[in-house]
Each structure stands twice: as C-alpha cells, then as structure tokens.
Amino acid sequence: MQPRKLRKGDEVRIISPSKSLATKSSSIIKEAEKKLLNMGLKVSYGKNSSECDKFGSSSIKSRLSDLKQALLDENVKIIIPFSGGFNSNQLLKHINYSLIKKNPKIFCGFSDITVLLNSIYAKTDLTTYSGPNFSTFAMKKGFDYTLKSFKEAFFNGKIREIKPAKTWSDDQWWENQKKRNFYKNEGYWVMNKPKSKVSGKILGGNLCSFNLLQGTEFMPNLTDSVLFIEDDNIMGDLFIYEFDRNLQSLIQQKNFSKVKALVVGRFEKKTGITKSILKKILLSKKELQKIPIIANVDFGHTSPQFIFPIGGKVKIDILSSQKAKLYI
C-alpha cells in the first residue's frame, strides 16, 4: 500500500512520538518550518507536540492522540516526527493500525522513529519512509542533497539512482550553524560481492532501534529483504562492540537466511569505524559472507541523507570491487 505523493498546498503535521518539540530552541523550529513552507507545503503541529516530561517526551496518551488526529485530518498528507529519541516503542501496542490502513499517509523520520516505520509496515503493509525528522530541516549548510531527495521521493516518486553525496558531515550543527566541518565522500564501499545484481524489499534503519522489535508482533518478515542498517555513537568508546553484538542479534532472527543483501549507512568519525574495521566485523560472520554488502551510504546519523521506503523496492548493481549503483 502506497500513500499518494505530495502536491503544493498539502499539509505537513509535526508530531512528537519520541522527543518533545520543547527540547529544541524556537529558532530550530522556525528554520525547519521555513524550508517546508518554501516547498509550497502548509505546516501544522500536534496539539501535544510541545508537552514535555522529565524524559524530554510526553505521555503515551498525548502522543497517541496527536497521531490519531493527524491520521483523521483529511488535509494532512504527510506526518513527520519532530525528532528521534528513546521511547517510540512505548506506543506500539496502543496504535490503531486499522485507522492507519483507512487513512494512508506519508510517514517519514529516522533514528528512534525506525521503530514506528517498520512496525507500521509490518502491521498494515503501508510503505513508510526513512528520512529526515522535522528538526533536520533546520540545517542551514549541507542540506541540499537531503532536500533534493525529499522532493524526488515525495513529489516525483519515480525510480531513481541514489548517487553518493559529494561531501558529508557529522558535527553537532544545531549548536553552531556557522562553524561546520565537511569531508570529501569516498563513495560506496563494496564490502562483499558474491553476486553482482540483487533486488528486494527494504527493511531496517537505525539498528539498535530496529532490534527493539525482535520477538514482537511488530517485527517485519525478513524474507526477500535488503536490510538497510546504521547506528549512532550512543555507546561512545564501546561503539564497535555494541554494533557487533546488535548486528549479531539481527543475524540470529527468523528468516535472516532469506535476506538478499545488506546496505550499511555512514558512521560518525567518533565511532572509530573505518573501512577495514567494518569489513572485518561483517565478514567474520558466516551468514554475511553469502550476500552482497555495500557500506558508507548516505543515511543514518551523519548528513546529508537520502530518503528510502520501508517496504519499497531497491536494486543493487555491483560493478566492481570498488564501485556500486543503488536504485530505489
């Protein structure tokens, strides 16, 4: 099931299923809103999106209410969470998935929002989208690639080749919009090439968030999937160990043997992950030696990022040990 594409005049509803709007400055909110308005969209906010408790979030009741109202409002065509966080999975058993089926809308976000994207797809068969949260739109520099992808995915919707961005950054841009550090992009890393061409349905997103669905009714079936995974540096110096065991846990899930390929998003520099370290981690696992793997792809907790559909199709064409193409 596909939500319809956007048109000028459509309304965007900003909700806070994880972190509250109150956790960021008004300047961030205004800048993010301005970019959406410049695309010809209207912007509205959930009634409870600025409610904030000691966890930087709000009650389950408030968050569910905002989601319900966004679904019922016929003017709203796309729902974008304000930010990621830590507690989206509190909502899963309380969401009215029948209401989502009856009112299919674009739902876009990343990080902790990975939980909602994959569970909605698993329960309703509605394609959801991994892409920028609302707060990401406040970025003043290095956002052009992300903005172009947003327009292509939601206004155009044709199959497109996802080409690597020319530069990337992993700085805390919201703290200083003027002082930014950008690095030249090396392009995609081909980690494993048992096959040159492969295609399948996309699942995944933020790895540690996706893994929260394991053993629940909200975990999508991995059969014939191409897994997109990335992870943020939440564990600091222990990141490499945390990433390795989170990946191992995913590999141990039912039907992982039917996964067709793995696509790994770019890591922040402070994680300590290099091309050689990542290859050692990946190819130390026998299950991954059988499938194509590309990495250093433009999604995750670095910028910029492209939009990809959870439940949508991807085609990977590995041209050589150093070059690959990605079509969504």
C-alpha atoms as a PDB file:
ATOM      1  CA  MET A   1       0.000   0.000   0.000  1.00  0.00           C
ATOM      2  CA  GLN A   2       1.451   3.321  -1.120  1.00  0.00           C
ATOM      3  CA  PRO A   3       0.486   6.765   0.202  1.00  0.00           C
ATOM      4  CA  ARG A   4      -0.151   9.331  -2.510  1.00  0.00           C
ATOM      5  CA  LYS A   5       2.613  11.768  -3.457  1.00  0.00           C
ATOM      6  CA  LEU A   6       2.672  15.348  -2.269  1.00  0.00           C
ATOM      7  CA  ARG A   7       1.292  18.358  -4.090  1.00  0.00           C
ATOM      8  CA  LYS A   8       1.755  22.024  -3.392  1.00  0.00           C
ATOM      9  CA  GLY A   9      -0.743  23.146  -0.780  1.00  0.00           C
ATOM     10  CA  ASP A  10      -0.662  19.841   1.114  1.00  0.00           C
ATOM     11  CA  GLU A  11      -0.347  19.966   4.883  1.00  0.00           C
ATOM     12  CA  VAL A  12       2.514  18.552   6.950  1.00  0.00           C
ATOM     13  CA  ARG A  13       1.676  17.571  10.525  1.00  0.00           C
ATOM     14  CA  ILE A  14       4.541  17.650  13.013  1.00  0.00           C
ATOM     15  CA  ILE A  15       4.114  15.298  15.964  1.00  0.00           C
ATOM     16  CA  SER A  16       6.372  14.167  18.811  1.00  0.00           C
ATOM     17  CA  PRO A  17       6.118  10.378  19.200  1.00  0.00           C
ATOM     18  CA  SER A  18       9.550  10.361  20.801  1.00  0.00           C
ATOM     19  CA  LYS A  19      11.250  13.622  21.785  1.00  0.00           C
ATOM     20  CA  SER A  20       9.243  16.759  22.539  1.00  0.00           C
ATOM     21  CA  LEU A  21       9.276  19.925  20.447  1.00  0.00           C
ATOM     22  CA  ALA A  22      10.203  21.730  23.667  1.00  0.00           C
ATOM     23  CA  THR A  23      13.666  20.134  23.691  1.00  0.00           C
ATOM     24  CA  LYS A  24      14.941  22.391  20.888  1.00  0.00           C
ATOM     25  CA  SER A  25      15.049  26.174  20.516  1.00  0.00           C
ATOM     26  CA  SER A  26      12.383  28.179  18.711  1.00  0.00           C
ATOM     27  CA  SER A  27      14.993  29.163  16.083  1.00  0.00           C
ATOM     28  CA  ILE A  28      15.399  25.491  15.096  1.00  0.00           C
ATOM     29  CA  ILE A  29      11.633  25.129  14.758  1.00  0.00           C
ATOM     30  CA  LYS A  30      11.284  28.313  12.690  1.00  0.00           C
ATOM     31  CA  GLU A  31      14.115  27.379  10.317  1.00  0.00           C
ATOM     32  CA  ALA A  32      12.740  23.868   9.777  1.00  0.00           C
ATOM     33  CA  GLU A  33       9.249  25.223   9.159  1.00  0.00           C
ATOM     34  CA  LYS A  34      10.573  27.748   6.640  1.00  0.00           C
ATOM     35  CA  LYS A  35      12.055  25.027   4.419  1.00  0.00           C
ATOM     36  CA  LEU A  36       8.763  23.143   4.280  1.00  0.00           C
ATOM     37  CA  LEU A  37       6.833  26.326   3.543  1.00  0.00           C
ATOM     38  CA  ASN A  38       9.253  27.129   0.718  1.00  0.00           C
ATOM     39  CA  MET A  39       8.232  23.848  -0.940  1.00  0.00           C
ATOM     40  CA  GLY A  40       4.648  25.053  -1.047  1.00  0.00           C
ATOM     41  CA  LEU A  41       3.537  22.952   1.906  1.00  0.00           C
ATOM     42  CA  LYS A  42       1.497  24.016   4.909  1.00  0.00           C
ATOM     43  CA  VAL A  43       2.785  23.204   8.386  1.00  0.00           C
ATOM     44  CA  SER A  44       0.772  22.350  11.488  1.00  0.00           C
ATOM     45  CA  TYR A  45       1.672  20.875  14.861  1.00  0.00           C
ATOM     46  CA  GLY A  46       0.157  18.216  17.051  1.00  0.00           C
ATOM     47  CA  LYS A  47      -1.754  19.672  19.996  1.00  0.00           C
ATOM     48  CA  ASN A  48       0.555  17.934  22.470  1.00  0.00           C
ATOM     49  CA  SER A  49       3.820  18.115  20.499  1.00  0.00           C
ATOM     50  CA  SER A  50       5.377  20.606  22.929  1.00  0.00           C
ATOM     51  CA  GLU A  51       4.319  18.756  26.066  1.00  0.00           C
ATOM     52  CA  CYS A  52       7.492  17.769  27.915  1.00  0.00           C
ATOM     53  CA  ASP A  53       8.126  15.489  30.892  1.00  0.00           C
ATOM     54  CA  LYS A  54      11.334  14.671  32.784  1.00  0.00           C
ATOM     55  CA  PHE A  55      12.326  12.300  29.970  1.00  0.00           C
ATOM     56  CA  GLY A  56      12.047  15.013  27.305  1.00  0.00           C
ATOM     57  CA  SER A  57       8.927  13.362  25.918  1.00  0.00           C
ATOM     58  CA  SER A  58       5.235  13.262  26.848  1.00  0.00           C
ATOM     59  CA  SER A  59       2.579  10.796  27.993  1.00  0.00           C
ATOM     60  CA  ILE A  60       1.611   7.845  25.805  1.00  0.00           C
ATOM     61  CA  LYS A  61      -1.931   9.199  25.723  1.00  0.00           C
ATOM     62  CA  SER A  62      -0.795  12.586  24.400  1.00  0.00           C
ATOM     63  CA  ARG A  63       1.425  11.088  21.727  1.00  0.00           C
ATOM     64  CA  LEU A  64      -1.266   8.687  20.541  1.00  0.00           C
ATOM     65  CA  SER A  65      -3.816  11.484  20.440  1.00  0.00           C
ATOM     66  CA  ASP A  66      -1.603  13.575  18.157  1.00  0.00           C
ATOM     67  CA  LEU A  67      -1.028  10.627  15.841  1.00  0.00           C
ATOM     68  CA  LYS A  68      -4.748   9.883  15.691  1.00  0.00           C
ATOM     69  CA  GLN A  69      -5.664  13.483  14.903  1.00  0.00           C
ATOM     70  CA  ALA A  70      -3.027  13.631  12.148  1.00  0.00           C
ATOM     71  CA  LEU A  71      -4.491  10.494  10.579  1.00  0.00           C
ATOM     72  CA  LEU A  72      -8.075  11.746  10.771  1.00  0.00           C
ATOM     73  CA  ASP A  73      -7.346  15.209   9.351  1.00  0.00           C
ATOM     74  CA  GLU A  74      -8.029  14.973   5.598  1.00  0.00           C
ATOM     75  CA  ASN A  75      -5.807  17.992   4.917  1.00  0.00           C
ATOM     76  CA  VAL A  76      -2.733  16.258   6.354  1.00  0.00           C
ATOM     77  CA  LYS A  77      -0.874  14.253   3.687  1.00  0.00           C
ATOM     78  CA  ILE A  78       2.471  13.712   5.419  1.00  0.00           C
ATOM     79  CA  ILE A  79       3.370  13.137   9.079  1.00  0.00           C
ATOM     80  CA  ILE A  80       6.888  13.998  10.221  1.00  0.00           C
ATOM     81  CA  PRO A  81       8.074  13.374  13.793  1.00  0.00           C
ATOM     82  CA  PHE A  82       9.923  16.248  15.393  1.00  0.00           C
ATOM     83  CA  SER A  83      12.963  14.183  16.379  1.00  0.00           C
ATOM     84  CA  GLY A  84      14.247  10.772  17.350  1.00  0.00           C
ATOM     85  CA  GLY A  85      14.787   9.826  20.969  1.00  0.00           C
ATOM     86  CA  PHE A  86      14.339   6.669  23.007  1.00  0.00           C
ATOM     87  CA  ASN A  87      10.729   5.687  23.605  1.00  0.00           C
ATOM     88  CA  SER A  88       8.716   5.284  20.388  1.00  0.00           C
ATOM     89  CA  ASN A  89       8.269   1.602  21.192  1.00  0.00           C
ATOM     90  CA  GLN A  90       6.030   2.560  24.139  1.00  0.00           C
ATOM     91  CA  LEU A  91       3.321   3.329  21.574  1.00  0.00           C
ATOM     92  CA  LEU A  92       3.286   0.122  19.545  1.00  0.00           C
ATOM     93  CA  LYS A  93       0.577  -1.880  21.323  1.00  0.00           C
ATOM     94  CA  HIS A  94      -1.671   1.169  21.576  1.00  0.00           C
ATOM     95  CA  ILE A  95      -1.603   2.364  17.951  1.00  0.00           C
ATOM     96  CA  ASN A  96      -4.799   1.890  15.945  1.00  0.00           C
ATOM     97  CA  TYR A  97      -3.329   0.201  12.858  1.00  0.00           C
ATOM     98  CA  SER A  98      -6.761  -0.133  11.238  1.00  0.00           C
ATOM     99  CA  LEU A  99      -7.001   3.653  11.300  1.00  0.00           C
ATOM    100  CA  ILE A 100      -3.661   3.893   9.520  1.00  0.00           C
ATOM    101  CA  LYS A 101      -4.910   1.459   6.845  1.00  0.00           C
ATOM    102  CA  LYS A 102      -8.009   3.567   6.294  1.00  0.00           C
ATOM    103  CA  ASN A 103      -6.017   6.816   6.175  1.00  0.00           C
ATOM    104  CA  PRO A 104      -2.700   6.017   4.461  1.00  0.00           C
ATOM    105  CA  LYS A 105      -0.339   8.977   4.648  1.00  0.00           C
ATOM    106  CA  ILE A 106       3.382   9.521   4.167  1.00  0.00           C
ATOM    107  CA  PHE A 107       5.241   8.902   7.423  1.00  0.00           C
ATOM    108  CA  CYS A 108       8.911   9.972   7.391  1.00  0.00           C
ATOM    109  CA  GLY A 109      11.618  10.002  10.071  1.00  0.00           C
ATOM    110  CA  PHE A 110      14.711   8.215  11.336  1.00  0.00           C
ATOM    111  CA  SER A 111      16.680   7.140  14.425  1.00  0.00           C
ATOM    112  CA  ASP A 112      14.215   6.041  17.149  1.00  0.00           C
ATOM    113  CA  ILE A 113      11.426   6.576  14.595  1.00  0.00           C
ATOM    114  CA  THR A 114      12.747   3.403  12.885  1.00  0.00           C
ATOM    115  CA  VAL A 115      10.579   1.537  15.396  1.00  0.00           C
ATOM    116  CA  LEU A 116       7.392   3.141  14.073  1.00  0.00           C
ATOM    117  CA  LEU A 117       8.343   2.920  10.396  1.00  0.00           C
ATOM    118  CA  ASN A 118       8.904  -0.826  10.482  1.00  0.00           C
ATOM    119  CA  SER A 119       6.036  -1.695  12.818  1.00  0.00           C
ATOM    120  CA  ILE A 120       3.536   0.292  10.722  1.00  0.00           C
ATOM    121  CA  TYR A 121       4.741  -1.524   7.602  1.00  0.00           C
ATOM    122  CA  ALA A 122       4.590  -4.908   9.371  1.00  0.00           C
ATOM    123  CA  LYS A 123       1.043  -4.354  10.670  1.00  0.00           C
ATOM    124  CA  THR A 124      -0.529  -2.536   7.713  1.00  0.00           C
ATOM    125  CA  ASP A 125       1.628  -3.174   4.612  1.00  0.00           C
ATOM    126  CA  LEU A 126       1.814   0.615   4.181  1.00  0.00           C
ATOM    127  CA  THR A 127       5.135   1.835   2.819  1.00  0.00           C
ATOM    128  CA  THR A 128       6.817   4.226   5.258  1.00  0.00           C
ATOM    129  CA  TYR A 129       9.949   6.293   4.720  1.00  0.00           C
ATOM    130  CA  SER A 130      13.287   6.611   6.455  1.00  0.00           C
ATOM    131  CA  GLY A 131      14.436  10.187   6.053  1.00  0.00           C
ATOM    132  CA  PRO A 132      14.869  13.482   7.884  1.00  0.00           C
ATOM    133  CA  ASN A 133      12.954  14.293  11.032  1.00  0.00           C
ATOM    134  CA  PHE A 134      11.416  17.761  11.255  1.00  0.00           C
ATOM    135  CA  SER A 135      14.348  19.138  13.272  1.00  0.00           C
ATOM    136  CA  THR A 136      16.741  18.072  10.478  1.00  0.00           C
ATOM    137  CA  PHE A 137      15.141  20.646   8.175  1.00  0.00           C
ATOM    138  CA  ALA A 138      16.644  23.393  10.333  1.00  0.00           C
ATOM    139  CA  MET A 139      20.126  22.601   8.970  1.00  0.00           C
ATOM    140  CA  LYS A 140      21.402  25.622   7.024  1.00  0.00           C
ATOM    141  CA  LYS A 141      24.513  24.146   5.401  1.00  0.00           C
ATOM    142  CA  GLY A 142      24.948  20.731   3.812  1.00  0.00           C
ATOM    143  CA  PHE A 143      21.217  20.104   3.445  1.00  0.00           C
ATOM    144  CA  ASP A 144      20.822  20.425  -0.344  1.00  0.00           C
ATOM    145  CA  TYR A 145      21.309  16.690  -1.025  1.00  0.00           C
ATOM    146  CA  THR A 146      18.708  15.762   1.605  1.00  0.00           C
ATOM    147  CA  LEU A 147      16.239  18.349   0.324  1.00  0.00           C
ATOM    148  CA  LYS A 148      16.628  17.123  -3.265  1.00  0.00           C
ATOM    149  CA  SER A 149      15.986  13.544  -2.142  1.00  0.00           C
ATOM    150  CA  PHE A 150      12.898  14.648  -0.200  1.00  0.00           C
ATOM    151  CA  LYS A 151      11.443  16.318  -3.289  1.00  0.00           C
ATOM    152  CA  GLU A 152      12.268  13.375  -5.552  1.00  0.00           C
ATOM    153  CA  ALA A 153      10.771  10.825  -3.158  1.00  0.00           C
ATOM    154  CA  PHE A 154       7.563  12.643  -2.244  1.00  0.00           C
ATOM    155  CA  PHE A 155       6.708  14.937  -5.152  1.00  0.00           C
ATOM    156  CA  ASN A 156       8.085  12.886  -8.055  1.00  0.00           C
ATOM    157  CA  GLY A 157       8.216   9.299  -6.878  1.00  0.00           C
ATOM    158  CA  LYS A 158       9.906   7.775  -9.930  1.00  0.00           C
ATOM    159  CA  ILE A 159      12.620   5.117  -9.623  1.00  0.00           C
ATOM    160  CA  ARG A 160      15.877   6.956  -9.135  1.00  0.00           C
ATOM    161  CA  GLU A 161      19.561   6.170  -8.824  1.00  0.00           C
ATOM    162  CA  ILE A 162      20.879   7.125  -5.409  1.00  0.00           C
ATOM    163  CA  LYS A 163      24.271   8.665  -6.070  1.00  0.00           C
ATOM    164  CA  PRO A 164      26.724   9.366  -3.240  1.00  0.00           C
ATOM    165  CA  ALA A 165      26.800  12.907  -1.879  1.00  0.00           C
ATOM    166  CA  LYS A 166      29.985  14.834  -2.684  1.00  0.00           C
ATOM    167  CA  THR A 167      30.656  15.793   0.941  1.00  0.00           C
ATOM    168  CA  TRP A 168      29.396  14.811   4.387  1.00  0.00           C
ATOM    169  CA  SER A 169      29.466  15.984   7.989  1.00  0.00           C
ATOM    170  CA  ASP A 170      28.865  14.558  11.441  1.00  0.00           C
ATOM    171  CA  ASP A 171      29.165  17.703  13.561  1.00  0.00           C
ATOM    172  CA  GLN A 172      26.516  18.916  16.001  1.00  0.00           C
ATOM    173  CA  TRP A 173      25.234  21.503  13.563  1.00  0.00           C
ATOM    174  CA  TRP A 174      22.365  22.631  15.811  1.00  0.00           C
ATOM    175  CA  GLU A 175      24.902  24.053  18.273  1.00  0.00           C
ATOM    176  CA  ASN A 176      26.722  26.185  15.685  1.00  0.00           C
ATOM    177  CA  GLN A 177      25.215  26.616  12.215  1.00  0.00           C
ATOM    178  CA  LYS A 178      28.119  28.777  11.019  1.00  0.00           C
ATOM    179  CA  LYS A 179      31.068  26.602  12.016  1.00  0.00           C
ATOM    180  CA  ARG A 180      30.694  23.310  10.155  1.00  0.00           C
ATOM    181  CA  ASN A 181      33.190  20.636   9.132  1.00  0.00           C
ATOM    182  CA  PHE A 182      32.671  18.809   5.839  1.00  0.00           C
ATOM    183  CA  TYR A 183      34.629  15.854   4.474  1.00  0.00           C
ATOM    184  CA  LYS A 184      35.067  14.558   0.932  1.00  0.00           C
ATOM    185  CA  ASN A 185      32.911  11.497   0.357  1.00  0.00           C
ATOM    186  CA  GLU A 186      34.774   8.339  -0.708  1.00  0.00           C
ATOM    187  CA  GLY A 187      31.630   6.909  -2.288  1.00  0.00           C
ATOM    188  CA  TYR A 188      30.179   3.470  -1.595  1.00  0.00           C
ATOM    189  CA  TRP A 189      32.370   0.788  -0.051  1.00  0.00           C
ATOM    190  CA  VAL A 190      31.896  -2.652  -1.606  1.00  0.00           C
ATOM    191  CA  MET A 191      32.329  -4.999   1.343  1.00  0.00           C
ATOM    192  CA  ASN A 192      31.280  -8.261  -0.291  1.00  0.00           C
ATOM    193  CA  LYS A 193      30.412  -9.296  -3.856  1.00  0.00           C
ATOM    194  CA  PRO A 194      29.146 -12.884  -4.147  1.00  0.00           C
ATOM    195  CA  LYS A 195      26.599 -11.542  -6.667  1.00  0.00           C
ATOM    196  CA  SER A 196      26.705  -8.542  -8.992  1.00  0.00           C
ATOM    197  CA  LYS A 197      22.984  -7.791  -9.039  1.00  0.00           C
ATOM    198  CA  VAL A 198      20.341  -8.156  -6.358  1.00  0.00           C
ATOM    199  CA  SER A 199      16.952  -6.634  -5.526  1.00  0.00           C
ATOM    200  CA  GLY A 200      14.431  -6.873  -2.714  1.00  0.00           C
ATOM    201  CA  LYS A 201      12.186  -5.027  -0.279  1.00  0.00           C
ATOM    202  CA  ILE A 202      13.820  -2.546   2.086  1.00  0.00           C
ATOM    203  CA  LEU A 203      13.618  -3.018   5.849  1.00  0.00           C
ATOM    204  CA  GLY A 204      15.585  -1.561   8.737  1.00  0.00           C
ATOM    205  CA  GLY A 205      17.024   1.831   9.575  1.00  0.00           C
ATOM    206  CA  ASN A 206      18.680   2.544  12.911  1.00  0.00           C
ATOM    207  CA  LEU A 207      19.992  -0.852  14.030  1.00  0.00           C
ATOM    208  CA  CYS A 208      19.601  -0.598  17.801  1.00  0.00           C
ATOM    209  CA  SER A 209      16.055   0.747  17.330  1.00  0.00           C
ATOM    210  CA  PHE A 210      15.126  -1.883  14.728  1.00  0.00           C
ATOM    211  CA  ASN A 211      16.307  -4.585  17.124  1.00  0.00           C
ATOM    212  CA  LEU A 212      13.737  -3.440  19.696  1.00  0.00           C
ATOM    213  CA  LEU A 213      11.143  -5.166  17.513  1.00  0.00           C
ATOM    214  CA  GLN A 214      12.743  -8.589  17.847  1.00  0.00           C
ATOM    215  CA  GLY A 215      10.396 -11.205  19.290  1.00  0.00           C
ATOM    216  CA  THR A 216       7.329  -8.984  18.916  1.00  0.00           C
ATOM    217  CA  GLU A 217       4.377  -8.959  16.540  1.00  0.00           C
ATOM    218  CA  PHE A 218       5.762  -5.717  15.111  1.00  0.00           C
ATOM    219  CA  MET A 219       8.908  -7.221  13.586  1.00  0.00           C
ATOM    220  CA  PRO A 220       8.666  -7.370   9.769  1.00  0.00           C
ATOM    221  CA  ASN A 221       9.313 -10.643   7.964  1.00  0.00           C
ATOM    222  CA  LEU A 222      12.921 -10.573   6.740  1.00  0.00           C
ATOM    223  CA  THR A 223      12.241 -12.855   3.769  1.00  0.00           C
ATOM    224  CA  ASP A 224      13.482 -11.366   0.456  1.00  0.00           C
ATOM    225  CA  SER A 225      14.581  -8.174   2.167  1.00  0.00           C
ATOM    226  CA  VAL A 226      17.551  -5.906   1.637  1.00  0.00           C
ATOM    227  CA  LEU A 227      18.442  -4.663   5.095  1.00  0.00           C
ATOM    228  CA  PHE A 228      19.455  -1.019   5.468  1.00  0.00           C
ATOM    229  CA  ILE A 229      21.212  -0.518   8.803  1.00  0.00           C
ATOM    230  CA  GLU A 230      23.089   2.279  10.547  1.00  0.00           C
ATOM    231  CA  ASP A 231      23.895   3.118  14.140  1.00  0.00           C
ATOM    232  CA  ASP A 232      24.751   6.204  16.161  1.00  0.00           C
ATOM    233  CA  ASN A 233      27.537   6.666  18.687  1.00  0.00           C
ATOM    234  CA  ILE A 234      25.350   6.323  21.757  1.00  0.00           C
ATOM    235  CA  MET A 235      27.835   3.916  23.411  1.00  0.00           C
ATOM    236  CA  GLY A 236      30.907   6.108  22.952  1.00  0.00           C
ATOM    237  CA  ASP A 237      34.176   4.152  23.261  1.00  0.00           C
ATOM    238  CA  LEU A 238      32.232   0.884  23.306  1.00  0.00           C
ATOM    239  CA  PHE A 239      30.537   1.512  19.972  1.00  0.00           C
ATOM    240  CA  ILE A 240      32.357  -1.160  17.966  1.00  0.00           C
ATOM    241  CA  TYR A 241      31.387  -3.864  20.467  1.00  0.00           C
ATOM    242  CA  GLU A 242      27.803  -2.625  20.643  1.00  0.00           C
ATOM    243  CA  PHE A 243      27.450  -2.517  16.856  1.00  0.00           C
ATOM    244  CA  ASP A 244      28.914  -6.010  16.513  1.00  0.00           C
ATOM    245  CA  ARG A 245      26.535  -7.599  19.011  1.00  0.00           C
ATOM    246  CA  ASN A 246      23.498  -5.704  17.698  1.00  0.00           C
ATOM    247  CA  LEU A 247      24.324  -6.955  14.218  1.00  0.00           C
ATOM    248  CA  GLN A 248      24.783 -10.485  15.535  1.00  0.00           C
ATOM    249  CA  SER A 249      21.391 -10.315  17.220  1.00  0.00           C
ATOM    250  CA  LEU A 250      19.771  -9.323  13.929  1.00  0.00           C
ATOM    251  CA  ILE A 251      21.526 -12.157  12.110  1.00  0.00           C
ATOM    252  CA  GLN A 252      20.016 -14.620  14.595  1.00  0.00           C
ATOM    253  CA  GLN A 253      16.451 -13.619  13.716  1.00  0.00           C
ATOM    254  CA  LYS A 254      13.995 -15.871  11.935  1.00  0.00           C
ATOM    255  CA  ASN A 255      14.345 -15.855   8.133  1.00  0.00           C
ATOM    256  CA  PHE A 256      17.650 -13.972   8.151  1.00  0.00           C
ATOM    257  CA  SER A 257      18.913 -16.713   5.824  1.00  0.00           C
ATOM    258  CA  LYS A 258      16.470 -15.291   3.257  1.00  0.00           C
ATOM    259  CA  VAL A 259      17.904 -11.749   3.423  1.00  0.00           C
ATOM    260  CA  LYS A 260      19.229 -10.813  -0.031  1.00  0.00           C
ATOM    261  CA  ALA A 261      21.716  -8.024   0.716  1.00  0.00           C
ATOM    262  CA  LEU A 262      22.964  -5.587   3.342  1.00  0.00           C
ATOM    263  CA  VAL A 263      23.346  -1.822   2.926  1.00  0.00           C
ATOM    264  CA  VAL A 264      25.200  -0.014   5.710  1.00  0.00           C
ATOM    265  CA  GLY A 265      24.849   3.707   6.384  1.00  0.00           C
ATOM    266  CA  ARG A 266      27.768   6.001   7.135  1.00  0.00           C
ATOM    267  CA  PHE A 267      29.262   6.012  10.623  1.00  0.00           C
ATOM    268  CA  GLU A 268      30.245   9.071  12.604  1.00  0.00           C
ATOM    269  CA  LYS A 269      34.022   9.532  12.841  1.00  0.00           C
ATOM    270  CA  LYS A 270      33.995   9.232  16.631  1.00  0.00           C
ATOM    271  CA  THR A 271      32.698   5.635  16.382  1.00  0.00           C
ATOM    272  CA  GLY A 272      36.166   4.545  15.291  1.00  0.00           C
ATOM    273  CA  ILE A 273      34.723   2.534  12.384  1.00  0.00           C
ATOM    274  CA  THR A 274      36.977   2.524   9.317  1.00  0.00           C
ATOM    275  CA  LYS A 275      36.551   0.639   6.054  1.00  0.00           C
ATOM    276  CA  SER A 276      38.951  -2.117   7.147  1.00  0.00           C
ATOM    277  CA  ILE A 277      37.437  -2.490  10.645  1.00  0.00           C
ATOM    278  CA  LEU A 278      33.915  -2.664   9.245  1.00  0.00           C
ATOM    279  CA  LYS A 279      34.929  -5.307   6.705  1.00  0.00           C
ATOM    280  CA  LYS A 280      36.476  -7.428   9.465  1.00  0.00           C
ATOM    281  CA  ILE A 281      33.274  -7.203  11.523  1.00  0.00           C
ATOM    282  CA  LEU A 282      30.991  -8.026   8.613  1.00  0.00           C
ATOM    283  CA  LEU A 283      32.960 -10.866   7.048  1.00  0.00           C
ATOM    284  CA  SER A 284      33.685 -12.507  10.404  1.00  0.00           C
ATOM    285  CA  LYS A 285      30.044 -13.598  10.276  1.00  0.00           C
ATOM    286  CA  LYS A 286      29.449 -16.599   8.012  1.00  0.00           C
ATOM    287  CA  GLU A 287      25.865 -15.600   7.285  1.00  0.00           C
ATOM    288  CA  LEU A 288      27.023 -12.316   5.738  1.00  0.00           C
ATOM    289  CA  GLN A 289      29.663 -13.910   3.527  1.00  0.00           C
ATOM    290  CA  LYS A 290      26.873 -15.191   1.256  1.00  0.00           C
ATOM    291  CA  ILE A 291      25.246 -11.851   0.438  1.00  0.00           C
ATOM    292  CA  PRO A 292      26.275  -8.589  -1.296  1.00  0.00           C
ATOM    293  CA  ILE A 293      27.177  -5.800   1.120  1.00  0.00           C
ATOM    294  CA  ILE A 294      27.802  -2.127   0.417  1.00  0.00           C
ATOM    295  CA  ALA A 295      28.575   0.485   3.056  1.00  0.00           C
ATOM    296  CA  ASN A 296      29.362   4.183   3.603  1.00  0.00           C
ATOM    297  CA  VAL A 297      25.953   5.011   2.144  1.00  0.00           C
ATOM    298  CA  ASP A 298      24.299   8.401   2.761  1.00  0.00           C
ATOM    299  CA  PHE A 299      21.849   7.656   5.558  1.00  0.00           C
ATOM    300  CA  GLY A 300      21.969   7.494   9.322  1.00  0.00           C
ATOM    301  CA  HIS A 301      23.347   9.882  11.930  1.00  0.00           C
ATOM    302  CA  THR A 302      25.544  11.862   9.562  1.00  0.00           C
ATOM    303  CA  SER A 303      24.431  14.387   6.989  1.00  0.00           C
ATOM    304  CA  PRO A 304      23.271  14.539   4.292  1.00  0.00           C
ATOM    305  CA  GLN A 305      20.863  11.640   3.950  1.00  0.00           C
ATOM    306  CA  PHE A 306      18.556  10.301   1.259  1.00  0.00           C
ATOM    307  CA  ILE A 307      15.009   9.010   1.704  1.00  0.00           C
ATOM    308  CA  PHE A 308      14.334   5.296   1.300  1.00  0.00           C
ATOM    309  CA  PRO A 309      10.998   3.439   1.534  1.00  0.00           C
ATOM    310  CA  ILE A 310      10.449   0.804   4.217  1.00  0.00           C
ATOM    311  CA  GLY A 311       8.629  -1.922   2.297  1.00  0.00           C
ATOM    312  CA  GLY A 312       9.666  -0.380  -1.008  1.00  0.00           C
ATOM    313  CA  LYS A 313      11.975  -1.906  -3.592  1.00  0.00           C
ATOM    314  CA  VAL A 314      15.709  -1.465  -4.092  1.00  0.00           C
ATOM    315  CA  LYS A 315      18.046  -2.720  -6.801  1.00  0.00           C
ATOM    316  CA  ILE A 316      21.792  -3.004  -6.231  1.00  0.00           C
ATOM    317  CA  ASP A 317      24.226  -3.285  -9.122  1.00  0.00           C
ATOM    318  CA  ILE A 318      27.811  -4.005  -8.015  1.00  0.00           C
ATOM    319  CA  LEU A 319      30.041  -3.081 -10.951  1.00  0.00           C
ATOM    320  CA  SER A 320      33.408  -3.910  -9.388  1.00  0.00           C
ATOM    321  CA  SER A 321      35.137  -4.381  -6.054  1.00  0.00           C
ATOM    322  CA  GLN A 322      35.160  -0.598  -5.714  1.00  0.00           C
ATOM    323  CA  LYS A 323      32.005   0.602  -7.416  1.00  0.00           C
ATOM    324  CA  ALA A 324      28.270   0.007  -6.974  1.00  0.00           C
ATOM    325  CA  LYS A 325      24.981   1.594  -8.019  1.00  0.00           C
ATOM    326  CA  LEU A 326      21.808   1.835  -5.978  1.00  0.00           C
ATOM    327  CA  TYR A 327      18.295   2.291  -7.423  1.00  0.00           C
ATOM    328  CA  ILE A 328      15.163   2.982  -5.383  1.00  0.00           C
END
